[in-house]
């Protein structure tokens, strides 16, 4: 589930950046990384997924699970991309 949400988030961010150039001018978003984090949190919220609970790190507060799971997706995808880029050298 972690990989699928990350893949969908990557595709959404690439599509937004390619087709909506004004999105980079929004001060809060600014870069693709911030947009990817926001997209990951949004996808976790829309999918009602608790990734942290899967690893035994769940919380009793709903927003902590949503934000934490979104950050876990964004972090996992970032680390995965870095490892793949390193291996491609």
PDB file of N, CA and C in Angstrom:
ATOM      1  N   UNK A   1       0.829  -1.179   0.000  1.00  0.00           N
ATOM      2  CA  UNK A   1       0.000   0.000   0.000  1.00  0.00           C
ATOM      3  C   UNK A   1       0.878   1.248   0.000  1.00  0.00           C
ATOM      4  N   UNK A   2       1.960   1.165   0.719  1.00  0.00           N
ATOM      5  CA  UNK A   2       2.904   2.281   0.805  1.00  0.00           C
ATOM      6  C   UNK A   2       3.456   2.636  -0.573  1.00  0.00           C
ATOM      7  N   UNK A   3       3.827   1.636  -1.315  1.00  0.00           N
ATOM      8  CA  UNK A   3       4.393   1.850  -2.651  1.00  0.00           C
ATOM      9  C   UNK A   3       3.331   2.377  -3.609  1.00  0.00           C
ATOM     10  N   UNK A   4       2.139   1.840  -3.547  1.00  0.00           N
ATOM     11  CA  UNK A   4       1.074   2.279  -4.452  1.00  0.00           C
ATOM     12  C   UNK A   4       0.690   3.730  -4.212  1.00  0.00           C
ATOM     13  N   UNK A   5       0.564   4.128  -2.963  1.00  0.00           N
ATOM     14  CA  UNK A   5       0.239   5.528  -2.666  1.00  0.00           C
ATOM     15  C   UNK A   5       1.370   6.437  -3.121  1.00  0.00           C
ATOM     16  N   UNK A   6       2.602   6.005  -2.919  1.00  0.00           N
ATOM     17  CA  UNK A   6       3.743   6.794  -3.384  1.00  0.00           C
ATOM     18  C   UNK A   6       3.785   6.933  -4.887  1.00  0.00           C
ATOM     19  N   UNK A   7       3.457   5.857  -5.600  1.00  0.00           N
ATOM     20  CA  UNK A   7       3.432   5.892  -7.061  1.00  0.00           C
ATOM     21  C   UNK A   7       2.339   6.829  -7.567  1.00  0.00           C
ATOM     22  N   UNK A   8       1.162   6.730  -6.994  1.00  0.00           N
ATOM     23  CA  UNK A   8       0.064   7.609  -7.390  1.00  0.00           C
ATOM     24  C   UNK A   8       0.408   9.058  -7.076  1.00  0.00           C
ATOM     25  N   UNK A   9       1.000   9.307  -5.914  1.00  0.00           N
ATOM     26  CA  UNK A   9       1.404  10.668  -5.554  1.00  0.00           C
ATOM     27  C   UNK A   9       2.436  11.234  -6.509  1.00  0.00           C
ATOM     28  N   UNK A  10       3.392  10.419  -6.917  1.00  0.00           N
ATOM     29  CA  UNK A  10       4.415  10.871  -7.866  1.00  0.00           C
ATOM     30  C   UNK A  10       3.802  11.247  -9.206  1.00  0.00           C
ATOM     31  N   UNK A  11       2.866  10.437  -9.675  1.00  0.00           N
ATOM     32  CA  UNK A  11       2.212  10.710 -10.951  1.00  0.00           C
ATOM     33  C   UNK A  11       1.385  11.987 -10.866  1.00  0.00           C
ATOM     34  N   UNK A  12       0.677  12.180  -9.764  1.00  0.00           N
ATOM     35  CA  UNK A  12      -0.131  13.394  -9.595  1.00  0.00           C
ATOM     36  C   UNK A  12       0.758  14.632  -9.573  1.00  0.00           C
ATOM     37  N   UNK A  13       1.860  14.577  -8.844  1.00  0.00           N
ATOM     38  CA  UNK A  13       2.764  15.729  -8.756  1.00  0.00           C
ATOM     39  C   UNK A  13       3.388  16.036 -10.111  1.00  0.00           C
ATOM     40  N   UNK A  14       3.849  15.020 -10.825  1.00  0.00           N
ATOM     41  CA  UNK A  14       4.437  15.251 -12.150  1.00  0.00           C
ATOM     42  C   UNK A  14       3.426  15.865 -13.104  1.00  0.00           C
ATOM     43  N   UNK A  15       2.189  15.392 -13.054  1.00  0.00           N
ATOM     44  CA  UNK A  15       1.146  15.929 -13.925  1.00  0.00           C
ATOM     45  C   UNK A  15       0.826  17.378 -13.565  1.00  0.00           C
ATOM     46  N   UNK A  16       0.719  17.666 -12.278  1.00  0.00           N
ATOM     47  CA  UNK A  16       0.437  19.036 -11.854  1.00  0.00           C
ATOM     48  C   UNK A  16       1.547  20.003 -12.249  1.00  0.00           C
ATOM     49  N   UNK A  17       2.776  19.598 -12.055  1.00  0.00           N
ATOM     50  CA  UNK A  17       3.904  20.469 -12.384  1.00  0.00           C
ATOM     51  C   UNK A  17       3.997  20.698 -13.889  1.00  0.00           C
ATOM     52  N   UNK A  18       3.691  19.673 -14.671  1.00  0.00           N
ATOM     53  CA  UNK A  18       3.785  19.794 -16.122  1.00  0.00           C
ATOM     54  C   UNK A  18       2.664  20.644 -16.718  1.00  0.00           C
ATOM     55  N   UNK A  19       1.466  20.548 -16.150  1.00  0.00           N
ATOM     56  CA  UNK A  19       0.321  21.199 -16.764  1.00  0.00           C
ATOM     57  C   UNK A  19      -0.143  22.473 -16.063  1.00  0.00           C
ATOM     58  N   UNK A  20       0.298  22.709 -14.846  1.00  0.00           N
ATOM     59  CA  UNK A  20      -0.098  23.909 -14.109  1.00  0.00           C
ATOM     60  C   UNK A  20       1.177  24.614 -13.642  1.00  0.00           C
ATOM     61  N   UNK A  21       1.780  25.446 -14.493  1.00  0.00           N
ATOM     62  CA  UNK A  21       3.043  26.091 -14.113  1.00  0.00           C
ATOM     63  C   UNK A  21       2.904  27.089 -12.958  1.00  0.00           C
ATOM     64  N   UNK A  22       1.699  27.587 -12.731  1.00  0.00           N
ATOM     65  CA  UNK A  22       1.504  28.564 -11.657  1.00  0.00           C
ATOM     66  C   UNK A  22       1.572  27.935 -10.273  1.00  0.00           C
ATOM     67  N   UNK A  23       1.532  26.615 -10.193  1.00  0.00           N
ATOM     68  CA  UNK A  23       1.540  25.951  -8.895  1.00  0.00           C
ATOM     69  C   UNK A  23       2.871  26.144  -8.169  1.00  0.00           C
ATOM     70  N   UNK A  24       3.948  26.332  -8.913  1.00  0.00           N
ATOM     71  CA  UNK A  24       5.254  26.569  -8.300  1.00  0.00           C
ATOM     72  C   UNK A  24       5.397  27.952  -7.702  1.00  0.00           C
ATOM     73  N   UNK A  25       4.471  28.850  -8.014  1.00  0.00           N
ATOM     74  CA  UNK A  25       4.529  30.220  -7.506  1.00  0.00           C
ATOM     75  C   UNK A  25       3.764  30.404  -6.204  1.00  0.00           C
ATOM     76  N   UNK A  26       3.084  29.371  -5.753  1.00  0.00           N
ATOM     77  CA  UNK A  26       2.367  29.444  -4.480  1.00  0.00           C
ATOM     78  C   UNK A  26       3.412  29.381  -3.360  1.00  0.00           C
ATOM     79  N   UNK A  27       3.437  30.379  -2.467  1.00  0.00           N
ATOM     80  CA  UNK A  27       4.512  30.444  -1.463  1.00  0.00           C
ATOM     81  C   UNK A  27       4.580  29.237  -0.531  1.00  0.00           C
ATOM     82  N   UNK A  28       3.460  28.666  -0.151  1.00  0.00           N
ATOM     83  CA  UNK A  28       3.468  27.548   0.789  1.00  0.00           C
ATOM     84  C   UNK A  28       4.014  26.291   0.127  1.00  0.00           C
ATOM     85  N   UNK A  29       3.647  26.065  -1.129  1.00  0.00           N
ATOM     86  CA  UNK A  29       4.070  24.853  -1.823  1.00  0.00           C
ATOM     87  C   UNK A  29       5.490  25.007  -2.334  1.00  0.00           C
ATOM     88  N   UNK A  30       5.723  25.975  -3.199  1.00  0.00           N
ATOM     89  CA  UNK A  30       7.065  26.306  -3.660  1.00  0.00           C
ATOM     90  C   UNK A  30       7.759  25.256  -4.495  1.00  0.00           C
ATOM     91  N   UNK A  31       8.116  24.142  -3.920  1.00  0.00           N
ATOM     92  CA  UNK A  31       8.896  23.132  -4.637  1.00  0.00           C
ATOM     93  C   UNK A  31       8.083  21.862  -4.841  1.00  0.00           C
ATOM     94  N   UNK A  32       8.605  20.985  -5.679  1.00  0.00           N
ATOM     95  CA  UNK A  32       7.930  19.707  -5.932  1.00  0.00           C
ATOM     96  C   UNK A  32       7.919  18.821  -4.684  1.00  0.00           C
ATOM     97  N   UNK A  33       8.925  18.929  -3.862  1.00  0.00           N
ATOM     98  CA  UNK A  33       8.979  18.092  -2.651  1.00  0.00           C
ATOM     99  C   UNK A  33       7.838  18.442  -1.704  1.00  0.00           C
ATOM    100  N   UNK A  34       7.612  19.736  -1.504  1.00  0.00           N
ATOM    101  CA  UNK A  34       6.517  20.149  -0.624  1.00  0.00           C
ATOM    102  C   UNK A  34       5.171  19.728  -1.200  1.00  0.00           C
ATOM    103  N   UNK A  35       5.030  19.832  -2.518  1.00  0.00           N
ATOM    104  CA  UNK A  35       3.796  19.405  -3.170  1.00  0.00           C
ATOM    105  C   UNK A  35       3.617  17.897  -3.036  1.00  0.00           C
ATOM    106  N   UNK A  36       4.691  17.144  -3.112  1.00  0.00           N
ATOM    107  CA  UNK A  36       4.607  15.691  -2.963  1.00  0.00           C
ATOM    108  C   UNK A  36       4.199  15.307  -1.542  1.00  0.00           C
ATOM    109  N   UNK A  37       4.714  16.003  -0.550  1.00  0.00           N
ATOM    110  CA  UNK A  37       4.321  15.732   0.837  1.00  0.00           C
ATOM    111  C   UNK A  37       2.841  16.030   1.026  1.00  0.00           C
ATOM    112  N   UNK A  38       2.400  17.161   0.498  1.00  0.00           N
ATOM    113  CA  UNK A  38       0.987  17.526   0.594  1.00  0.00           C
ATOM    114  C   UNK A  38       0.104  16.509  -0.126  1.00  0.00           C
ATOM    115  N   UNK A  39       0.534  16.069  -1.289  1.00  0.00           N
ATOM    116  CA  UNK A  39      -0.220  15.073  -2.050  1.00  0.00           C
ATOM    117  C   UNK A  39      -0.260  13.733  -1.314  1.00  0.00           C
ATOM    118  N   UNK A  40       0.833  13.349  -0.695  1.00  0.00           N
ATOM    119  CA  UNK A  40       0.870  12.083   0.058  1.00  0.00           C
ATOM    120  C   UNK A  40      -0.098  12.108   1.230  1.00  0.00           C
ATOM    121  N   UNK A  41      -0.097  13.211   1.957  1.00  0.00           N
ATOM    122  CA  UNK A  41      -1.015  13.337   3.092  1.00  0.00           C
ATOM    123  C   UNK A  41      -2.463  13.322   2.596  1.00  0.00           C
ATOM    124  N   UNK A  42      -2.731  14.009   1.492  1.00  0.00           N
ATOM    125  CA  UNK A  42      -4.080  14.040   0.935  1.00  0.00           C
ATOM    126  C   UNK A  42      -4.525  12.654   0.470  1.00  0.00           C
ATOM    127  N   UNK A  43      -3.647  11.909  -0.179  1.00  0.00           N
ATOM    128  CA  UNK A  43      -4.003  10.562  -0.644  1.00  0.00           C
ATOM    129  C   UNK A  43      -4.241   9.601   0.520  1.00  0.00           C
ATOM    130  N   UNK A  44      -3.467   9.739   1.580  1.00  0.00           N
ATOM    131  CA  UNK A  44      -3.688   8.895   2.763  1.00  0.00           C
ATOM    132  C   UNK A  44      -5.038   9.227   3.389  1.00  0.00           C
ATOM    133  N   UNK A  45      -5.361  10.517   3.440  1.00  0.00           N
ATOM    134  CA  UNK A  45      -6.641  10.934   4.000  1.00  0.00           C
ATOM    135  C   UNK A  45      -7.808  10.446   3.139  1.00  0.00           C
ATOM    136  N   UNK A  46      -7.689  10.600   1.815  1.00  0.00           N
ATOM    137  CA  UNK A  46      -8.757  10.164   0.915  1.00  0.00           C
ATOM    138  C   UNK A  46      -8.932   8.648   0.930  1.00  0.00           C
ATOM    139  N   UNK A  47      -7.840   7.924   1.025  1.00  0.00           N
ATOM    140  CA  UNK A  47      -7.903   6.460   1.050  1.00  0.00           C
ATOM    141  C   UNK A  47      -8.221   5.881   2.408  1.00  0.00           C
ATOM    142  N   UNK A  48      -8.246   6.737   3.447  1.00  0.00           N
ATOM    143  CA  UNK A  48      -8.499   6.301   4.823  1.00  0.00           C
ATOM    144  C   UNK A  48      -7.587   5.140   5.193  1.00  0.00           C
ATOM    145  N   UNK A  49      -6.290   5.368   4.987  1.00  0.00           N
ATOM    146  CA  UNK A  49      -5.274   4.351   5.224  1.00  0.00           C
ATOM    147  C   UNK A  49      -4.465   4.745   6.458  1.00  0.00           C
ATOM    148  N   UNK A  50      -4.141   3.777   7.294  1.00  0.00           N
ATOM    149  CA  UNK A  50      -3.316   4.028   8.470  1.00  0.00           C
ATOM    150  C   UNK A  50      -2.038   3.200   8.331  1.00  0.00           C
ATOM    151  N   UNK A  51      -1.060   3.767   7.681  1.00  0.00           N
ATOM    152  CA  UNK A  51       0.191   3.049   7.445  1.00  0.00           C
ATOM    153  C   UNK A  51       0.997   2.918   8.735  1.00  0.00           C
ATOM    154  N   UNK A  52       0.959   3.921   9.578  1.00  0.00           N
ATOM    155  CA  UNK A  52       1.691   3.828  10.843  1.00  0.00           C
ATOM    156  C   UNK A  52       1.129   2.735  11.734  1.00  0.00           C
ATOM    157  N   UNK A  53      -0.186   2.541  11.696  1.00  0.00           N
ATOM    158  CA  UNK A  53      -0.816   1.470  12.481  1.00  0.00           C
ATOM    159  C   UNK A  53      -0.373   0.093  12.032  1.00  0.00           C
ATOM    160  N   UNK A  54      -0.051  -0.037  10.747  1.00  0.00           N
ATOM    161  CA  UNK A  54       0.433  -1.311  10.216  1.00  0.00           C
ATOM    162  C   UNK A  54       1.758  -1.701  10.853  1.00  0.00           C
ATOM    163  N   UNK A  55       2.578  -0.686  11.128  1.00  0.00           N
ATOM    164  CA  UNK A  55       3.883  -0.932  11.738  1.00  0.00           C
ATOM    165  C   UNK A  55       3.843  -0.829  13.262  1.00  0.00           C
ATOM    166  N   UNK A  56       2.659  -0.707  13.834  1.00  0.00           N
ATOM    167  CA  UNK A  56       2.512  -0.652  15.281  1.00  0.00           C
ATOM    168  C   UNK A  56       2.794   0.715  15.879  1.00  0.00           C
ATOM    169  N   UNK A  57       2.735   1.759  15.078  1.00  0.00           N
ATOM    170  CA  UNK A  57       3.026   3.106  15.559  1.00  0.00           C
ATOM    171  C   UNK A  57       1.804   4.018  15.538  1.00  0.00           C
ATOM    172  N   UNK A  58       0.621   3.441  15.511  1.00  0.00           N
ATOM    173  CA  UNK A  58      -0.607   4.220  15.408  1.00  0.00           C
ATOM    174  C   UNK A  58      -0.852   5.068  16.646  1.00  0.00           C
ATOM    175  N   UNK A  59      -1.698   6.059  16.470  1.00  0.00           N
ATOM    176  CA  UNK A  59      -2.060   6.965  17.543  1.00  0.00           C
ATOM    177  C   UNK A  59      -3.574   6.933  17.724  1.00  0.00           C
ATOM    178  N   UNK A  60      -4.042   7.437  18.856  1.00  0.00           N
ATOM    179  CA  UNK A  60      -5.479   7.503  19.080  1.00  0.00           C
ATOM    180  C   UNK A  60      -6.100   8.699  18.377  1.00  0.00           C
ATOM    181  N   UNK A  61      -5.286   9.661  17.980  1.00  0.00           N
ATOM    182  CA  UNK A  61      -5.805  10.836  17.280  1.00  0.00           C
ATOM    183  C   UNK A  61      -5.724  10.617  15.773  1.00  0.00           C
ATOM    184  N   UNK A  62      -6.829  10.882  15.097  1.00  0.00           N
ATOM    185  CA  UNK A  62      -6.939  10.624  13.667  1.00  0.00           C
ATOM    186  C   UNK A  62      -5.953  11.457  12.850  1.00  0.00           C
ATOM    187  N   UNK A  63      -5.803  12.742  13.177  1.00  0.00           N
ATOM    188  CA  UNK A  63      -4.946  13.607  12.361  1.00  0.00           C
ATOM    189  C   UNK A  63      -3.483  13.197  12.464  1.00  0.00           C
ATOM    190  N   UNK A  64      -3.068  12.663  13.594  1.00  0.00           N
ATOM    191  CA  UNK A  64      -1.686  12.206  13.739  1.00  0.00           C
ATOM    192  C   UNK A  64      -1.433  11.015  12.821  1.00  0.00           C
ATOM    193  N   UNK A  65      -2.403  10.113  12.731  1.00  0.00           N
ATOM    194  CA  UNK A  65      -2.269   8.966  11.838  1.00  0.00           C
ATOM    195  C   UNK A  65      -2.222   9.398  10.375  1.00  0.00           C
ATOM    196  N   UNK A  66      -3.056  10.370  10.004  1.00  0.00           N
ATOM    197  CA  UNK A  66      -3.097  10.827   8.612  1.00  0.00           C
ATOM    198  C   UNK A  66      -1.808  11.524   8.225  1.00  0.00           C
ATOM    199  N   UNK A  67      -1.388  12.497   9.014  1.00  0.00           N
ATOM    200  CA  UNK A  67      -0.169  13.253   8.699  1.00  0.00           C
ATOM    201  C   UNK A  67       1.066  12.363   8.802  1.00  0.00           C
ATOM    202  N   UNK A  68       1.130  11.547   9.828  1.00  0.00           N
ATOM    203  CA  UNK A  68       2.272  10.650   9.989  1.00  0.00           C
ATOM    204  C   UNK A  68       2.377   9.633   8.862  1.00  0.00           C
ATOM    205  N   UNK A  69       1.239   9.088   8.437  1.00  0.00           N
ATOM    206  CA  UNK A  69       1.254   8.126   7.331  1.00  0.00           C
ATOM    207  C   UNK A  69       1.635   8.810   6.027  1.00  0.00           C
ATOM    208  N   UNK A  70       1.151  10.036   5.807  1.00  0.00           N
ATOM    209  CA  UNK A  70       1.538  10.783   4.607  1.00  0.00           C
ATOM    210  C   UNK A  70       3.024  11.087   4.584  1.00  0.00           C
ATOM    211  N   UNK A  71       3.571  11.452   5.732  1.00  0.00           N
ATOM    212  CA  UNK A  71       5.014  11.707   5.807  1.00  0.00           C
ATOM    213  C   UNK A  71       5.806  10.413   5.624  1.00  0.00           C
ATOM    214  N   UNK A  72       5.275   9.306   6.119  1.00  0.00           N
ATOM    215  CA  UNK A  72       5.952   8.015   5.922  1.00  0.00           C
ATOM    216  C   UNK A  72       5.986   7.640   4.445  1.00  0.00           C
ATOM    217  N   UNK A  73       4.891   7.883   3.731  1.00  0.00           N
ATOM    218  CA  UNK A  73       4.856   7.609   2.289  1.00  0.00           C
ATOM    219  C   UNK A  73       5.869   8.484   1.566  1.00  0.00           C
ATOM    220  N   UNK A  74       5.864   9.780   1.871  1.00  0.00           N
ATOM    221  CA  UNK A  74       6.793  10.704   1.203  1.00  0.00           C
ATOM    222  C   UNK A  74       8.243  10.343   1.513  1.00  0.00           C
ATOM    223  N   UNK A  75       8.534   9.992   2.746  1.00  0.00           N
ATOM    224  CA  UNK A  75       9.896   9.611   3.114  1.00  0.00           C
ATOM    225  C   UNK A  75      10.339   8.324   2.463  1.00  0.00           C
ATOM    226  N   UNK A  76       9.446   7.343   2.415  1.00  0.00           N
ATOM    227  CA  UNK A  76       9.777   6.064   1.797  1.00  0.00           C
ATOM    228  C   UNK A  76      10.071   6.232   0.314  1.00  0.00           C
ATOM    229  N   UNK A  77       9.254   7.006  -0.366  1.00  0.00           N
ATOM    230  CA  UNK A  77       9.459   7.218  -1.805  1.00  0.00           C
ATOM    231  C   UNK A  77      10.754   7.978  -2.055  1.00  0.00           C
ATOM    232  N   UNK A  78      11.059   8.959  -1.218  1.00  0.00           N
ATOM    233  CA  UNK A  78      12.295   9.719  -1.372  1.00  0.00           C
ATOM    234  C   UNK A  78      13.515   8.827  -1.182  1.00  0.00           C
ATOM    235  N   UNK A  79      13.494   7.986  -0.164  1.00  0.00           N
ATOM    236  CA  UNK A  79      14.614   7.074   0.086  1.00  0.00           C
ATOM    237  C   UNK A  79      14.731   6.043  -1.041  1.00  0.00           C
ATOM    238  N   UNK A  80      13.608   5.536  -1.510  1.00  0.00           N
ATOM    239  CA  UNK A  80      13.606   4.571  -2.594  1.00  0.00           C
ATOM    240  C   UNK A  80      14.182   5.178  -3.874  1.00  0.00           C
ATOM    241  N   UNK A  81      13.765   6.401  -4.194  1.00  0.00           N
ATOM    242  CA  UNK A  81      14.300   7.079  -5.373  1.00  0.00           C
ATOM    243  C   UNK A  81      15.797   7.325  -5.262  1.00  0.00           C
ATOM    244  N   UNK A  82      16.260   7.691  -4.074  1.00  0.00           N
ATOM    245  CA  UNK A  82      17.697   7.909  -3.886  1.00  0.00           C
ATOM    246  C   UNK A  82      18.482   6.608  -4.059  1.00  0.00           C
ATOM    247  N   UNK A  83      17.945   5.512  -3.529  1.00  0.00           N
ATOM    248  CA  UNK A  83      18.634   4.220  -3.678  1.00  0.00           C
ATOM    249  C   UNK A  83      18.670   3.764  -5.123  1.00  0.00           C
ATOM    250  N   UNK A  84      17.563   3.950  -5.829  1.00  0.00           N
ATOM    251  CA  UNK A  84      17.525   3.561  -7.246  1.00  0.00           C
ATOM    252  C   UNK A  84      18.490   4.419  -8.076  1.00  0.00           C
ATOM    253  N   UNK A  85      18.520   5.712  -7.805  1.00  0.00           N
ATOM    254  CA  UNK A  85      19.453   6.585  -8.528  1.00  0.00           C
ATOM    255  C   UNK A  85      20.893   6.221  -8.228  1.00  0.00           C
ATOM    256  N   UNK A  86      21.198   5.814  -7.006  1.00  0.00           N
ATOM    257  CA  UNK A  86      22.553   5.402  -6.651  1.00  0.00           C
ATOM    258  C   UNK A  86      22.940   4.120  -7.382  1.00  0.00           C
ATOM    259  N   UNK A  87      22.013   3.188  -7.465  1.00  0.00           N
ATOM    260  CA  UNK A  87      22.295   1.924  -8.128  1.00  0.00           C
ATOM    261  C   UNK A  87      22.401   2.070  -9.648  1.00  0.00           C
ATOM    262  N   UNK A  88      21.776   3.093 -10.199  1.00  0.00           N
ATOM    263  CA  UNK A  88      21.842   3.313 -11.640  1.00  0.00           C
ATOM    264  C   UNK A  88      23.162   3.943 -12.091  1.00  0.00           C
ATOM    265  N   UNK A  89      23.969   4.402 -11.150  1.00  0.00           N
ATOM    266  CA  UNK A  89      25.241   5.030 -11.517  1.00  0.00           C
ATOM    267  C   UNK A  89      26.257   4.028 -11.992  1.00  0.00           C
TER     268      UNK A  89
END
